Amino acid sequence: MRLLKSIVATLLLSSLSLVAAATYKVGDQVSDFSLIARQPFSRPDGTVVNAGDPVQLSDLAGRVIFLEWFAVWCPFCVAAAPQVDKGIADYYVGRGGNPYGVPVLHIAVNQEPRSNYRTATDNFVRQQGFEHVVNDYNSTSTNRVRFNFQNGGQPTFAVINGVTNSPSHKPWELLVNHLGYGQTDFSQLILSWRALIDQVQPAPAPLLLSVPAVQGDEGFGFQINVPVGQTARIESTMDLRAWETLATIPGSSNQVTFRDTNAPALQRYYRAVIP
């Protein structure tokens, strides 16, 4: 009997370990999830979200998403909120996004569903000036999303790359997964988060080519805009199978003219490619 109890206890502990190991780790790609709007706000595309409406992670594509789970009765949540608001939300709004121009969206996530905390939570949200506030619960379940990141405790902070075609990060890549506050000064941790947020690059801008034309004695040519920080190859072919590199053009804020002074009399095709 004792042996049986020991085996059951071991299996139970193993099961709990598997549950704990199921939380996201930094670098993982986060699956789409849904939270519930606590107050009306506008999605990035301008669509109005009413209180009680679902808010999908996928609705927020095109920006870096900063999630801050809080409970109004948690002194660490209350202490961290104004520092995060100043160091993340206000910081990136004032700068028009990260250094690459990628918008950063701060979302406060209320994890406390009990009705006797409703007024205190509303007062806290109003005092902090949170613009985007959601609940991590609905009529049937509580904290479904939070426990995918941390097994318990608060506040919880998660930063997710929502730029789905970024050249620097995977779509929906988890950049930060942090539990707790426990300090009087959060500034160093916020600086480390900003360093990660600032690395996210936007989708490459499309190459813009003018209509090709014969340019007198200077041969055949066209104008091209190559985004700053990137390099384009100008290639040509006679048969659309074998392509030859004619020039490499670095990115610039100005339009660049390309000329093929050795263009053959026969038909030739051109293309611009960013590696």
C-alpha atoms as a PDB file:
ATOM      1  CA  MET A   1       0.000   0.000   0.000  1.00  0.00           C
ATOM      2  CA  ARG A   2       2.825   2.355   0.910  1.00  0.00           C
ATOM      3  CA  LEU A   3       4.508   1.531  -2.384  1.00  0.00           C
ATOM      4  CA  LEU A   4       1.298   2.336  -4.264  1.00  0.00           C
ATOM      5  CA  LYS A   5       0.977   5.707  -2.487  1.00  0.00           C
ATOM      6  CA  SER A   6       4.602   6.467  -3.293  1.00  0.00           C
ATOM      7  CA  ILE A   7       4.033   5.701  -6.980  1.00  0.00           C
ATOM      8  CA  VAL A   8       0.890   7.882  -7.073  1.00  0.00           C
ATOM      9  CA  ALA A   9       2.705  10.750  -5.352  1.00  0.00           C
ATOM     10  CA  THR A  10       5.603  10.462  -7.815  1.00  0.00           C
ATOM     11  CA  LEU A  11       3.223  10.505 -10.787  1.00  0.00           C
ATOM     12  CA  LEU A  12       1.418  13.542  -9.349  1.00  0.00           C
ATOM     13  CA  LEU A  13       4.676  15.441  -8.899  1.00  0.00           C
ATOM     14  CA  SER A  14       5.723  14.511 -12.431  1.00  0.00           C
ATOM     15  CA  SER A  15       2.409  15.777 -13.778  1.00  0.00           C
ATOM     16  CA  LEU A  16       2.827  19.091 -11.939  1.00  0.00           C
ATOM     17  CA  SER A  17       6.333  19.440 -13.361  1.00  0.00           C
ATOM     18  CA  LEU A  18       4.987  18.937 -16.869  1.00  0.00           C
ATOM     19  CA  VAL A  19       2.360  21.638 -16.288  1.00  0.00           C
ATOM     20  CA  ALA A  20       5.013  24.052 -15.028  1.00  0.00           C
ATOM     21  CA  ALA A  21       7.202  23.349 -18.039  1.00  0.00           C
ATOM     22  CA  ALA A  22       4.360  24.199 -20.430  1.00  0.00           C
ATOM     23  CA  THR A  23       4.705  27.978 -19.990  1.00  0.00           C
ATOM     24  CA  TYR A  24       6.189  30.042 -22.811  1.00  0.00           C
ATOM     25  CA  LYS A  25       9.890  30.778 -22.853  1.00  0.00           C
ATOM     26  CA  VAL A  26      11.622  33.785 -24.390  1.00  0.00           C
ATOM     27  CA  GLY A  27      12.117  33.033 -28.077  1.00  0.00           C
ATOM     28  CA  ASP A  28       8.951  30.939 -28.390  1.00  0.00           C
ATOM     29  CA  GLN A  29       6.270  31.895 -30.900  1.00  0.00           C
ATOM     30  CA  VAL A  30       3.072  32.732 -29.025  1.00  0.00           C
ATOM     31  CA  SER A  31      -0.174  31.218 -30.316  1.00  0.00           C
ATOM     32  CA  ASP A  32      -3.137  33.492 -30.894  1.00  0.00           C
ATOM     33  CA  PHE A  33      -5.242  34.142 -27.792  1.00  0.00           C
ATOM     34  CA  SER A  34      -8.233  36.219 -26.754  1.00  0.00           C
ATOM     35  CA  LEU A  35      -8.742  38.729 -23.942  1.00  0.00           C
ATOM     36  CA  ILE A  36     -11.851  40.770 -23.138  1.00  0.00           C
ATOM     37  CA  ALA A  37     -11.978  44.566 -23.476  1.00  0.00           C
ATOM     38  CA  ARG A  38     -12.675  46.168 -20.092  1.00  0.00           C
ATOM     39  CA  GLN A  39     -13.359  49.574 -21.601  1.00  0.00           C
ATOM     40  CA  PRO A  40     -13.866  50.838 -25.167  1.00  0.00           C
ATOM     41  CA  PHE A  41     -10.800  51.605 -27.253  1.00  0.00           C
ATOM     42  CA  SER A  42      -9.689  51.565 -30.872  1.00  0.00           C
ATOM     43  CA  ARG A  43      -7.665  48.799 -32.445  1.00  0.00           C
ATOM     44  CA  PRO A  44      -4.596  49.826 -34.482  1.00  0.00           C
ATOM     45  CA  ASP A  45      -6.690  49.589 -37.663  1.00  0.00           C
ATOM     46  CA  GLY A  46      -9.188  52.103 -36.252  1.00  0.00           C
ATOM     47  CA  THR A  47     -11.921  49.574 -35.441  1.00  0.00           C
ATOM     48  CA  VAL A  48     -13.727  50.473 -32.216  1.00  0.00           C
ATOM     49  CA  VAL A  49     -13.706  47.768 -29.547  1.00  0.00           C
ATOM     50  CA  ASN A  50     -16.604  47.946 -27.109  1.00  0.00           C
ATOM     51  CA  ALA A  51     -16.382  46.866 -23.484  1.00  0.00           C
ATOM     52  CA  GLY A  52     -16.972  43.128 -23.333  1.00  0.00           C
ATOM     53  CA  ASP A  53     -15.743  42.485 -26.882  1.00  0.00           C
ATOM     54  CA  PRO A  54     -12.991  39.912 -27.460  1.00  0.00           C
ATOM     55  CA  VAL A  55      -9.534  41.225 -28.324  1.00  0.00           C
ATOM     56  CA  GLN A  56      -7.368  38.758 -30.252  1.00  0.00           C
ATOM     57  CA  LEU A  57      -3.595  38.941 -30.190  1.00  0.00           C
ATOM     58  CA  SER A  58      -3.739  38.746 -33.992  1.00  0.00           C
ATOM     59  CA  ASP A  59      -5.841  41.951 -34.028  1.00  0.00           C
ATOM     60  CA  LEU A  60      -2.733  43.819 -32.867  1.00  0.00           C
ATOM     61  CA  ALA A  61      -0.401  42.777 -35.688  1.00  0.00           C
ATOM     62  CA  GLY A  62       2.135  45.278 -36.969  1.00  0.00           C
ATOM     63  CA  ARG A  63       3.474  46.460 -33.620  1.00  0.00           C
ATOM     64  CA  VAL A  64       5.309  45.312 -30.526  1.00  0.00           C
ATOM     65  CA  ILE A  65       2.771  44.354 -27.838  1.00  0.00           C
ATOM     66  CA  PHE A  66       3.614  44.988 -24.171  1.00  0.00           C
ATOM     67  CA  LEU A  67       1.262  43.121 -21.796  1.00  0.00           C
ATOM     68  CA  GLU A  68       1.132  44.002 -18.096  1.00  0.00           C
ATOM     69  CA  TRP A  69      -0.989  41.730 -15.889  1.00  0.00           C
ATOM     70  CA  PHE A  70      -2.068  43.364 -12.625  1.00  0.00           C
ATOM     71  CA  ALA A  71      -4.403  42.995  -9.652  1.00  0.00           C
ATOM     72  CA  VAL A  72      -5.518  46.123  -7.819  1.00  0.00           C
ATOM     73  CA  TRP A  73      -4.889  44.554  -4.386  1.00  0.00           C
ATOM     74  CA  CYS A  74      -1.256  43.719  -5.308  1.00  0.00           C
ATOM     75  CA  PRO A  75       1.136  46.379  -3.886  1.00  0.00           C
ATOM     76  CA  PHE A  76       3.851  45.378  -6.366  1.00  0.00           C
ATOM     77  CA  CYS A  77       1.452  45.852  -9.296  1.00  0.00           C
ATOM     78  CA  VAL A  78       0.471  49.269  -7.971  1.00  0.00           C
ATOM     79  CA  ALA A  79       4.112  50.275  -7.530  1.00  0.00           C
ATOM     80  CA  ALA A  80       5.233  49.022 -10.945  1.00  0.00           C
ATOM     81  CA  ALA A  81       2.370  50.490 -13.008  1.00  0.00           C
ATOM     82  CA  PRO A  82       3.413  54.185 -13.062  1.00  0.00           C
ATOM     83  CA  GLN A  83       7.027  53.297 -13.842  1.00  0.00           C
ATOM     84  CA  VAL A  84       6.007  51.048 -16.727  1.00  0.00           C
ATOM     85  CA  ASP A  85       3.533  53.650 -17.959  1.00  0.00           C
ATOM     86  CA  LYS A  86       6.274  56.285 -18.051  1.00  0.00           C
ATOM     87  CA  GLY A  87       9.123  54.044 -19.201  1.00  0.00           C
ATOM     88  CA  ILE A  88       7.226  52.067 -21.850  1.00  0.00           C
ATOM     89  CA  ALA A  89       3.806  53.451 -22.831  1.00  0.00           C
ATOM     90  CA  ASP A  90       4.564  57.190 -22.707  1.00  0.00           C
ATOM     91  CA  TYR A  91       8.166  56.696 -23.821  1.00  0.00           C
ATOM     92  CA  TYR A  92       7.259  55.067 -27.146  1.00  0.00           C
ATOM     93  CA  VAL A  93       4.193  57.189 -27.823  1.00  0.00           C
ATOM     94  CA  GLY A  94       6.379  60.282 -27.475  1.00  0.00           C
ATOM     95  CA  ARG A  95       8.918  58.887 -29.946  1.00  0.00           C
ATOM     96  CA  GLY A  96       6.505  57.500 -32.503  1.00  0.00           C
ATOM     97  CA  GLY A  97       7.585  53.909 -31.809  1.00  0.00           C
ATOM     98  CA  ASN A  98      10.991  52.265 -31.521  1.00  0.00           C
ATOM     99  CA  PRO A  99      14.049  53.576 -33.431  1.00  0.00           C
ATOM    100  CA  TYR A 100      12.832  51.781 -36.577  1.00  0.00           C
ATOM    101  CA  GLY A 101       9.384  53.373 -36.294  1.00  0.00           C
ATOM    102  CA  VAL A 102       7.644  50.193 -35.118  1.00  0.00           C
ATOM    103  CA  PRO A 103       4.708  51.172 -32.847  1.00  0.00           C
ATOM    104  CA  VAL A 104       4.703  49.815 -29.291  1.00  0.00           C
ATOM    105  CA  LEU A 105       1.287  49.063 -27.808  1.00  0.00           C
ATOM    106  CA  HIS A 106       0.949  48.861 -24.004  1.00  0.00           C
ATOM    107  CA  ILE A 107      -1.998  46.810 -22.751  1.00  0.00           C
ATOM    108  CA  ALA A 108      -2.948  46.604 -19.069  1.00  0.00           C
ATOM    109  CA  VAL A 109      -4.461  43.202 -18.289  1.00  0.00           C
ATOM    110  CA  ASN A 110      -6.676  42.908 -15.214  1.00  0.00           C
ATOM    111  CA  GLN A 111      -6.482  39.435 -13.696  1.00  0.00           C
ATOM    112  CA  GLU A 112      -8.927  39.991 -10.786  1.00  0.00           C
ATOM    113  CA  PRO A 113     -12.481  38.843 -11.671  1.00  0.00           C
ATOM    114  CA  ARG A 114     -14.224  39.274  -8.300  1.00  0.00           C
ATOM    115  CA  SER A 115     -16.996  41.857  -8.331  1.00  0.00           C
ATOM    116  CA  ASN A 116     -16.050  43.362  -4.949  1.00  0.00           C
ATOM    117  CA  TYR A 117     -12.804  44.642  -6.565  1.00  0.00           C
ATOM    118  CA  ARG A 118     -14.532  46.154  -9.593  1.00  0.00           C
ATOM    119  CA  THR A 119     -14.782  49.730  -8.322  1.00  0.00           C
ATOM    120  CA  ALA A 120     -11.215  49.737  -6.971  1.00  0.00           C
ATOM    121  CA  THR A 121      -9.951  48.397 -10.302  1.00  0.00           C
ATOM    122  CA  ASP A 122     -11.858  51.034 -12.273  1.00  0.00           C
ATOM    123  CA  ASN A 123     -10.432  53.774 -10.022  1.00  0.00           C
ATOM    124  CA  PHE A 124      -6.902  52.399 -10.453  1.00  0.00           C
ATOM    125  CA  VAL A 125      -7.261  52.249 -14.251  1.00  0.00           C
ATOM    126  CA  ARG A 126      -8.546  55.817 -14.314  1.00  0.00           C
ATOM    127  CA  GLN A 127      -5.783  57.044 -11.999  1.00  0.00           C
ATOM    128  CA  GLN A 128      -3.057  55.441 -14.132  1.00  0.00           C
ATOM    129  CA  GLY A 129      -4.586  56.732 -17.363  1.00  0.00           C
ATOM    130  CA  PHE A 130      -4.418  53.320 -19.041  1.00  0.00           C
ATOM    131  CA  GLU A 131      -5.680  53.629 -22.608  1.00  0.00           C
ATOM    132  CA  HIS A 132      -5.931  49.925 -23.471  1.00  0.00           C
ATOM    133  CA  VAL A 133      -7.345  47.761 -20.667  1.00  0.00           C
ATOM    134  CA  VAL A 134      -8.555  44.177 -20.976  1.00  0.00           C
ATOM    135  CA  ASN A 135      -9.683  41.417 -18.626  1.00  0.00           C
ATOM    136  CA  ASP A 136      -8.090  37.985 -18.526  1.00  0.00           C
ATOM    137  CA  TYR A 137     -11.375  36.249 -17.753  1.00  0.00           C
ATOM    138  CA  ASN A 138     -14.880  35.780 -19.070  1.00  0.00           C
ATOM    139  CA  SER A 139     -18.087  34.213 -17.731  1.00  0.00           C
ATOM    140  CA  THR A 140     -16.654  30.692 -17.853  1.00  0.00           C
ATOM    141  CA  SER A 141     -12.930  30.895 -17.102  1.00  0.00           C
ATOM    142  CA  THR A 142     -10.328  32.972 -15.302  1.00  0.00           C
ATOM    143  CA  ASN A 143      -6.720  33.886 -16.190  1.00  0.00           C
ATOM    144  CA  ARG A 144      -6.629  31.544 -19.160  1.00  0.00           C
ATOM    145  CA  VAL A 145      -3.911  33.569 -20.887  1.00  0.00           C
ATOM    146  CA  ARG A 146      -1.714  34.582 -17.947  1.00  0.00           C
ATOM    147  CA  PHE A 147      -0.931  31.013 -16.952  1.00  0.00           C
ATOM    148  CA  ASN A 148       0.534  30.381 -20.400  1.00  0.00           C
ATOM    149  CA  PHE A 149       3.331  32.762 -19.443  1.00  0.00           C
ATOM    150  CA  GLN A 150       3.732  32.282 -15.676  1.00  0.00           C
ATOM    151  CA  ASN A 151       2.326  29.647 -13.321  1.00  0.00           C
ATOM    152  CA  GLY A 152       1.323  32.198 -10.695  1.00  0.00           C
ATOM    153  CA  GLY A 153       2.095  35.502  -9.047  1.00  0.00           C
ATOM    154  CA  GLN A 154       1.837  39.083 -10.187  1.00  0.00           C
ATOM    155  CA  PRO A 155       2.607  41.413 -11.828  1.00  0.00           C
ATOM    156  CA  THR A 156       3.483  39.546 -15.008  1.00  0.00           C
ATOM    157  CA  PHE A 157       5.030  41.274 -18.014  1.00  0.00           C
ATOM    158  CA  ALA A 158       5.216  39.888 -21.554  1.00  0.00           C
ATOM    159  CA  VAL A 159       6.528  41.543 -24.713  1.00  0.00           C
ATOM    160  CA  ILE A 160       5.581  40.011 -28.063  1.00  0.00           C
ATOM    161  CA  ASN A 161       6.730  40.932 -31.563  1.00  0.00           C
ATOM    162  CA  GLY A 162       3.605  41.439 -33.656  1.00  0.00           C
ATOM    163  CA  VAL A 163       5.449  42.491 -36.833  1.00  0.00           C
ATOM    164  CA  THR A 164       4.704  39.314 -38.732  1.00  0.00           C
ATOM    165  CA  ASN A 165       7.154  39.927 -41.591  1.00  0.00           C
ATOM    166  CA  SER A 166       9.989  41.518 -39.631  1.00  0.00           C
ATOM    167  CA  PRO A 167      13.482  40.691 -40.954  1.00  0.00           C
ATOM    168  CA  SER A 168      14.861  40.676 -37.393  1.00  0.00           C
ATOM    169  CA  HIS A 169      12.374  38.535 -35.440  1.00  0.00           C
ATOM    170  CA  LYS A 170       9.943  35.653 -35.879  1.00  0.00           C
ATOM    171  CA  PRO A 171       6.230  36.525 -36.050  1.00  0.00           C
ATOM    172  CA  TRP A 172       4.703  36.557 -32.543  1.00  0.00           C
ATOM    173  CA  GLU A 173       8.101  35.902 -30.967  1.00  0.00           C
ATOM    174  CA  LEU A 174       8.177  36.306 -27.168  1.00  0.00           C
ATOM    175  CA  LEU A 175      10.830  38.888 -26.275  1.00  0.00           C
ATOM    176  CA  VAL A 176      10.163  39.239 -22.529  1.00  0.00           C
ATOM    177  CA  ASN A 177       8.459  36.963 -19.999  1.00  0.00           C
ATOM    178  CA  HIS A 178       8.954  38.396 -16.513  1.00  0.00           C
ATOM    179  CA  LEU A 179       7.262  37.769 -13.171  1.00  0.00           C
ATOM    180  CA  GLY A 180       7.328  40.171 -10.229  1.00  0.00           C
ATOM    181  CA  TYR A 181       8.460  43.603  -9.178  1.00  0.00           C
ATOM    182  CA  GLY A 182       9.952  43.505  -5.690  1.00  0.00           C
ATOM    183  CA  GLN A 183      12.014  46.660  -6.164  1.00  0.00           C
ATOM    184  CA  THR A 184      11.565  50.345  -5.482  1.00  0.00           C
ATOM    185  CA  ASP A 185      13.283  51.217  -8.749  1.00  0.00           C
ATOM    186  CA  PHE A 186      12.216  49.399 -11.902  1.00  0.00           C
ATOM    187  CA  SER A 187      14.267  51.578 -14.240  1.00  0.00           C
ATOM    188  CA  GLN A 188      17.108  49.140 -14.978  1.00  0.00           C
ATOM    189  CA  LEU A 189      14.719  46.367 -15.903  1.00  0.00           C
ATOM    190  CA  ILE A 190      12.693  48.726 -18.094  1.00  0.00           C
ATOM    191  CA  LEU A 191      15.892  49.775 -19.860  1.00  0.00           C
ATOM    192  CA  SER A 192      16.676  46.119 -20.611  1.00  0.00           C
ATOM    193  CA  TRP A 193      13.170  45.654 -22.022  1.00  0.00           C
ATOM    194  CA  ARG A 194      13.509  48.739 -24.183  1.00  0.00           C
ATOM    195  CA  ALA A 195      16.815  47.407 -25.549  1.00  0.00           C
ATOM    196  CA  LEU A 196      14.955  44.318 -26.770  1.00  0.00           C
ATOM    197  CA  ILE A 197      11.976  46.276 -28.121  1.00  0.00           C
ATOM    198  CA  ASP A 198      14.325  48.625 -29.980  1.00  0.00           C
ATOM    199  CA  GLN A 199      15.787  45.722 -31.985  1.00  0.00           C
ATOM    200  CA  VAL A 200      12.505  44.867 -33.726  1.00  0.00           C
ATOM    201  CA  GLN A 201      12.640  45.949 -37.366  1.00  0.00           C
ATOM    202  CA  PRO A 202       9.641  46.677 -39.589  1.00  0.00           C
ATOM    203  CA  ALA A 203       8.804  44.801 -42.736  1.00  0.00           C
ATOM    204  CA  PRO A 204      11.079  45.779 -45.635  1.00  0.00           C
ATOM    205  CA  ALA A 205       9.666  48.632 -47.667  1.00  0.00           C
ATOM    206  CA  PRO A 206       8.889  47.696 -51.270  1.00  0.00           C
ATOM    207  CA  LEU A 207      11.353  48.645 -53.950  1.00  0.00           C
ATOM    208  CA  LEU A 208      10.015  51.431 -56.135  1.00  0.00           C
ATOM    209  CA  LEU A 209      11.116  51.510 -59.771  1.00  0.00           C
ATOM    210  CA  SER A 210      10.191  54.094 -62.360  1.00  0.00           C
ATOM    211  CA  VAL A 211       9.105  53.119 -65.859  1.00  0.00           C
ATOM    212  CA  PRO A 212      12.270  52.007 -67.714  1.00  0.00           C
ATOM    213  CA  ALA A 213      13.223  54.104 -70.734  1.00  0.00           C
ATOM    214  CA  VAL A 214      15.997  54.697 -73.264  1.00  0.00           C
ATOM    215  CA  GLN A 215      18.014  57.656 -71.976  1.00  0.00           C
ATOM    216  CA  GLY A 216      19.678  59.028 -75.111  1.00  0.00           C
ATOM    217  CA  ASP A 217      23.322  58.096 -75.549  1.00  0.00           C
ATOM    218  CA  GLU A 218      23.529  56.973 -71.903  1.00  0.00           C
ATOM    219  CA  GLY A 219      21.747  53.716 -72.572  1.00  0.00           C
ATOM    220  CA  PHE A 220      18.710  52.155 -71.002  1.00  0.00           C
ATOM    221  CA  GLY A 221      17.826  53.101 -67.434  1.00  0.00           C
ATOM    222  CA  PHE A 222      15.329  53.737 -64.666  1.00  0.00           C
ATOM    223  CA  GLN A 223      15.074  55.256 -61.181  1.00  0.00           C
ATOM    224  CA  ILE A 224      14.912  53.147 -58.012  1.00  0.00           C
ATOM    225  CA  ASN A 225      14.229  53.832 -54.341  1.00  0.00           C
ATOM    226  CA  VAL A 226      16.101  51.465 -52.010  1.00  0.00           C
ATOM    227  CA  PRO A 227      15.143  51.686 -48.287  1.00  0.00           C
ATOM    228  CA  VAL A 228      17.823  52.999 -45.934  1.00  0.00           C
ATOM    229  CA  GLY A 229      19.750  50.176 -44.296  1.00  0.00           C
ATOM    230  CA  GLN A 230      19.175  47.743 -47.158  1.00  0.00           C
ATOM    231  CA  THR A 231      20.954  46.917 -50.409  1.00  0.00           C
ATOM    232  CA  ALA A 232      19.391  46.023 -53.758  1.00  0.00           C
ATOM    233  CA  ARG A 233      20.829  44.024 -56.643  1.00  0.00           C
ATOM    234  CA  ILE A 234      19.933  45.043 -60.191  1.00  0.00           C
ATOM    235  CA  GLU A 235      19.736  41.908 -62.314  1.00  0.00           C
ATOM    236  CA  SER A 236      18.974  41.258 -65.974  1.00  0.00           C
ATOM    237  CA  THR A 237      18.155  38.313 -68.200  1.00  0.00           C
ATOM    238  CA  MET A 238      17.346  37.549 -71.806  1.00  0.00           C
ATOM    239  CA  ASP A 239      15.296  34.389 -71.161  1.00  0.00           C
ATOM    240  CA  LEU A 240      13.821  34.808 -67.624  1.00  0.00           C
ATOM    241  CA  ARG A 241      15.898  31.827 -66.469  1.00  0.00           C
ATOM    242  CA  ALA A 242      19.501  32.905 -66.016  1.00  0.00           C
ATOM    243  CA  TRP A 243      19.858  36.231 -64.186  1.00  0.00           C
ATOM    244  CA  GLU A 244      23.022  38.350 -64.211  1.00  0.00           C
ATOM    245  CA  THR A 245      23.861  40.927 -61.537  1.00  0.00           C
ATOM    246  CA  LEU A 246      24.593  44.304 -63.132  1.00  0.00           C
ATOM    247  CA  ALA A 247      24.926  46.536 -60.082  1.00  0.00           C
ATOM    248  CA  THR A 248      24.545  46.712 -56.312  1.00  0.00           C
ATOM    249  CA  ILE A 249      22.792  49.801 -54.955  1.00  0.00           C
ATOM    250  CA  PRO A 250      22.938  50.741 -51.248  1.00  0.00           C
ATOM    251  CA  GLY A 251      19.890  52.164 -49.502  1.00  0.00           C
ATOM    252  CA  SER A 252      19.374  55.912 -49.556  1.00  0.00           C
ATOM    253  CA  SER A 253      16.710  58.455 -48.726  1.00  0.00           C
ATOM    254  CA  ASN A 254      17.077  59.753 -52.298  1.00  0.00           C
ATOM    255  CA  GLN A 255      16.068  58.206 -55.598  1.00  0.00           C
ATOM    256  CA  VAL A 256      18.962  56.610 -57.496  1.00  0.00           C
ATOM    257  CA  THR A 257      19.281  56.352 -61.292  1.00  0.00           C
ATOM    258  CA  PHE A 258      20.498  53.071 -62.767  1.00  0.00           C
ATOM    259  CA  ARG A 259      21.786  53.001 -66.360  1.00  0.00           C
ATOM    260  CA  ASP A 260      22.709  49.989 -68.452  1.00  0.00           C
ATOM    261  CA  THR A 261      25.162  51.486 -70.926  1.00  0.00           C
ATOM    262  CA  ASN A 262      25.729  48.062 -72.541  1.00  0.00           C
ATOM    263  CA  ALA A 263      22.094  47.166 -73.099  1.00  0.00           C
ATOM    264  CA  PRO A 264      21.744  44.894 -76.168  1.00  0.00           C
ATOM    265  CA  ALA A 265      19.435  45.702 -79.029  1.00  0.00           C
ATOM    266  CA  LEU A 266      17.445  42.545 -78.325  1.00  0.00           C
ATOM    267  CA  GLN A 267      14.784  42.343 -75.617  1.00  0.00           C
ATOM    268  CA  ARG A 268      16.155  42.288 -72.061  1.00  0.00           C
ATOM    269  CA  TYR A 269      14.374  41.999 -68.701  1.00  0.00           C
ATOM    270  CA  TYR A 270      15.424  43.714 -65.469  1.00  0.00           C
ATOM    271  CA  ARG A 271      14.584  43.228 -61.808  1.00  0.00           C
ATOM    272  CA  ALA A 272      15.640  44.656 -58.447  1.00  0.00           C
ATOM    273  CA  VAL A 273      16.156  42.205 -55.560  1.00  0.00           C
ATOM    274  CA  ILE A 274      16.827  42.769 -51.872  1.00  0.00           C
ATOM    275  CA  PRO A 275      18.757  39.755 -50.511  1.00  0.00           C
END
